[in-house]
Amino acid sequence: MSTTSGPVTVYWRPGCGYCTRLRLSLRRAGIPADEVNIWEDADGAAFVRSAAGGNETVPTVTVGDRTLVNPQPRRLVASIAAQYPDLVGTATGAGRAPAWAAVAQWTVIAALIVLSFAMDALGRGALSWAADGVAVVTYLGLRAIRARSLG
């Protein structure tokens, strides 16, 4: 059963890239939102179907008394900021990595790519391929960690 307490509610489902992007945008703006996973909440799924012409189109967002189906994150944040200026910046930032973490992640990946080029230039093809593989696995692993931290 879905229960919401704030003026912003995001109806989402796991594996939805659009949902992840929108939820991350709200968190970065510091906008608190109730979140309803429609795969776990039958009432939430029914609400989304009623708002989206019978489809379970997510993300669906309610802002006050308005319902928006698959809104663009930037426009949604601007709309919430205009309608509820006191909400912006009030979230705790949970699930958000510090800025230095992104720099560190990309530095590691860049170093692996440079290593790959160096090994290739030295005629060490196998080591070059290994560095490429580690760079790809690192990137995918960091992406999975980020997605998991968003719920």
Protein backbone atom coordinates (compact mmCIF):
# COMPACT_ATOMS: atom_id res chain seq x y z
CA MET A 1 0.00 0.00 0.00
CA SER A 2 1.51 3.31 -1.02
CA THR A 3 1.73 6.06 1.54
CA THR A 4 3.30 9.39 0.76
CA SER A 5 3.93 12.30 3.04
CA GLY A 6 5.61 15.01 0.97
CA PRO A 7 4.56 17.05 -2.02
CA VAL A 8 6.81 15.05 -4.41
CA THR A 9 6.31 11.35 -5.11
CA VAL A 10 8.24 9.34 -7.69
CA TYR A 11 6.69 6.12 -8.96
CA TRP A 12 9.50 3.93 -10.35
CA ARG A 13 10.56 0.35 -10.99
CA PRO A 14 13.92 -1.44 -10.74
CA GLY A 15 15.97 -1.54 -13.93
CA CYS A 16 14.46 1.63 -15.37
CA GLY A 17 17.26 3.91 -16.52
CA TYR A 18 14.92 6.88 -16.85
CA CYS A 19 13.83 6.37 -13.23
CA THR A 20 17.43 6.20 -12.04
CA ARG A 21 18.32 9.39 -13.91
CA LEU A 22 15.31 11.27 -12.54
CA ARG A 23 15.83 10.08 -8.96
CA LEU A 24 19.51 11.04 -9.13
CA SER A 25 18.58 14.51 -10.44
CA LEU A 26 16.22 15.05 -7.52
CA ARG A 27 18.85 13.89 -5.03
CA ARG A 28 21.51 16.13 -6.55
CA ALA A 29 19.15 19.09 -6.25
CA GLY A 30 18.48 18.13 -2.63
CA ILE A 31 14.76 17.65 -3.25
CA PRO A 32 13.19 15.07 -0.92
CA ALA A 33 10.76 12.73 -2.62
CA ASP A 34 8.71 9.79 -1.55
CA GLU A 35 9.52 6.83 -3.77
CA VAL A 36 7.08 4.08 -4.69
CA ASN A 37 8.36 0.93 -6.40
CA ILE A 38 5.41 -0.11 -8.57
CA TRP A 39 6.62 -3.72 -8.68
CA GLU A 40 6.23 -3.94 -4.91
CA ASP A 41 3.22 -1.67 -4.43
CA ALA A 42 -0.02 -2.67 -6.16
CA ASP A 43 -1.72 0.63 -5.28
CA GLY A 44 1.22 2.53 -6.74
CA ALA A 45 1.06 0.48 -9.94
CA ALA A 46 -2.69 1.13 -10.19
CA PHE A 47 -2.12 4.86 -9.76
CA VAL A 48 0.49 4.88 -12.53
CA ARG A 49 -1.86 3.00 -14.87
CA SER A 50 -4.63 5.52 -14.14
CA ALA A 51 -2.26 8.41 -14.93
CA ALA A 52 -0.63 6.86 -18.00
CA GLY A 53 -3.62 5.66 -19.99
CA GLY A 54 -3.54 2.09 -18.68
CA ASN A 55 0.23 1.68 -19.06
CA GLU A 56 2.80 1.33 -16.29
CA THR A 57 4.94 4.15 -17.68
CA VAL A 58 7.61 5.19 -15.24
CA PRO A 59 8.86 7.41 -13.90
CA THR A 60 5.56 8.98 -13.04
CA VAL A 61 5.81 11.87 -10.60
CA THR A 62 3.28 13.76 -8.53
CA VAL A 63 4.15 17.30 -7.53
CA GLY A 64 1.44 18.63 -5.28
CA ASP A 65 -1.79 17.93 -7.17
CA ARG A 66 -0.12 17.58 -10.60
CA THR A 67 0.86 14.25 -12.14
CA LEU A 68 3.67 14.06 -14.70
CA VAL A 69 4.41 10.98 -16.77
CA ASN A 70 8.08 10.53 -17.73
CA PRO A 71 9.07 14.17 -17.13
CA GLN A 72 12.49 15.49 -18.12
CA PRO A 73 14.61 15.65 -14.95
CA ARG A 74 15.91 19.19 -15.50
CA ARG A 75 12.44 20.58 -16.13
CA LEU A 76 11.02 18.68 -13.18
CA VAL A 77 13.64 20.06 -10.80
CA ALA A 78 13.02 23.60 -12.10
CA SER A 79 9.25 23.16 -11.71
CA ILE A 80 9.59 21.87 -8.14
CA ALA A 81 12.01 24.68 -7.28
CA ALA A 82 9.52 27.25 -8.59
CA GLN A 83 6.52 25.71 -6.85
CA TYR A 84 8.23 24.63 -3.59
CA PRO A 85 11.41 26.72 -3.17
CA ASP A 86 11.76 25.63 0.46
CA LEU A 87 12.21 21.98 -0.65
CA VAL A 88 15.34 22.54 -2.72
CA GLY A 89 18.46 21.54 -0.86
CA THR A 90 16.62 19.93 2.08
CA ALA A 91 17.47 16.30 1.30
CA THR A 92 20.34 14.62 3.10
CA GLY A 93 22.15 13.64 -0.10
CA ALA A 94 21.94 9.93 0.70
CA GLY A 95 23.08 7.73 -2.12
CA ARG A 96 25.29 10.42 -3.55
CA ALA A 97 29.01 9.87 -3.93
CA PRO A 98 31.34 12.73 -3.03
CA ALA A 99 32.77 14.70 -5.96
CA TRP A 100 36.28 13.39 -5.34
CA ALA A 101 35.00 9.82 -5.87
CA ALA A 102 34.04 10.55 -9.49
CA VAL A 103 37.46 12.11 -10.14
CA ALA A 104 39.17 9.08 -8.60
CA GLN A 105 37.08 6.65 -10.66
CA TRP A 106 37.85 8.36 -13.95
CA THR A 107 41.53 8.73 -13.00
CA VAL A 108 41.81 4.97 -12.48
CA ILE A 109 40.11 4.24 -15.80
CA ALA A 110 42.30 6.80 -17.63
CA ALA A 111 45.44 5.26 -16.09
CA LEU A 112 44.39 1.81 -17.29
CA ILE A 113 43.85 3.13 -20.82
CA VAL A 114 47.28 4.81 -20.81
CA LEU A 115 48.78 1.52 -19.57
CA SER A 116 47.03 -0.26 -22.43
CA PHE A 117 48.54 2.11 -25.01
CA ALA A 118 51.99 1.80 -23.43
CA MET A 119 51.86 -1.99 -23.48
CA ASP A 120 50.72 -1.94 -27.09
CA ALA A 121 53.57 0.41 -28.05
CA LEU A 122 56.05 -1.93 -26.34
CA GLY A 123 54.73 -4.88 -28.32
CA ARG A 124 53.05 -6.47 -25.33
CA GLY A 125 49.67 -7.14 -26.94
CA ALA A 126 48.46 -9.54 -24.25
CA LEU A 127 49.12 -7.01 -21.49
CA SER A 128 47.44 -4.31 -23.56
CA TRP A 129 44.31 -6.46 -23.90
CA ALA A 130 44.43 -7.22 -20.17
CA ALA A 131 44.56 -3.51 -19.31
CA ASP A 132 41.62 -2.89 -21.66
CA GLY A 133 39.65 -5.65 -19.96
CA VAL A 134 40.39 -4.30 -16.48
CA ALA A 135 39.35 -0.80 -17.58
CA VAL A 136 36.01 -2.09 -18.91
CA VAL A 137 35.34 -4.23 -15.83
CA THR A 138 36.23 -1.27 -13.58
CA TYR A 139 33.85 1.01 -15.46
CA LEU A 140 30.99 -1.52 -15.36
CA GLY A 141 31.61 -2.30 -11.70
CA LEU A 142 31.55 1.36 -10.72
CA ARG A 143 28.35 1.82 -12.72
CA ALA A 144 26.72 -1.11 -10.92
CA ILE A 145 27.75 0.27 -7.52
CA ARG A 146 26.29 3.66 -8.41
CA ALA A 147 23.01 2.10 -9.61
CA ARG A 148 22.77 -0.02 -6.45
CA SER A 149 23.29 3.03 -4.25
CA LEU A 150 20.25 4.65 -5.87
CA GLY A 151 18.04 1.74 -4.92
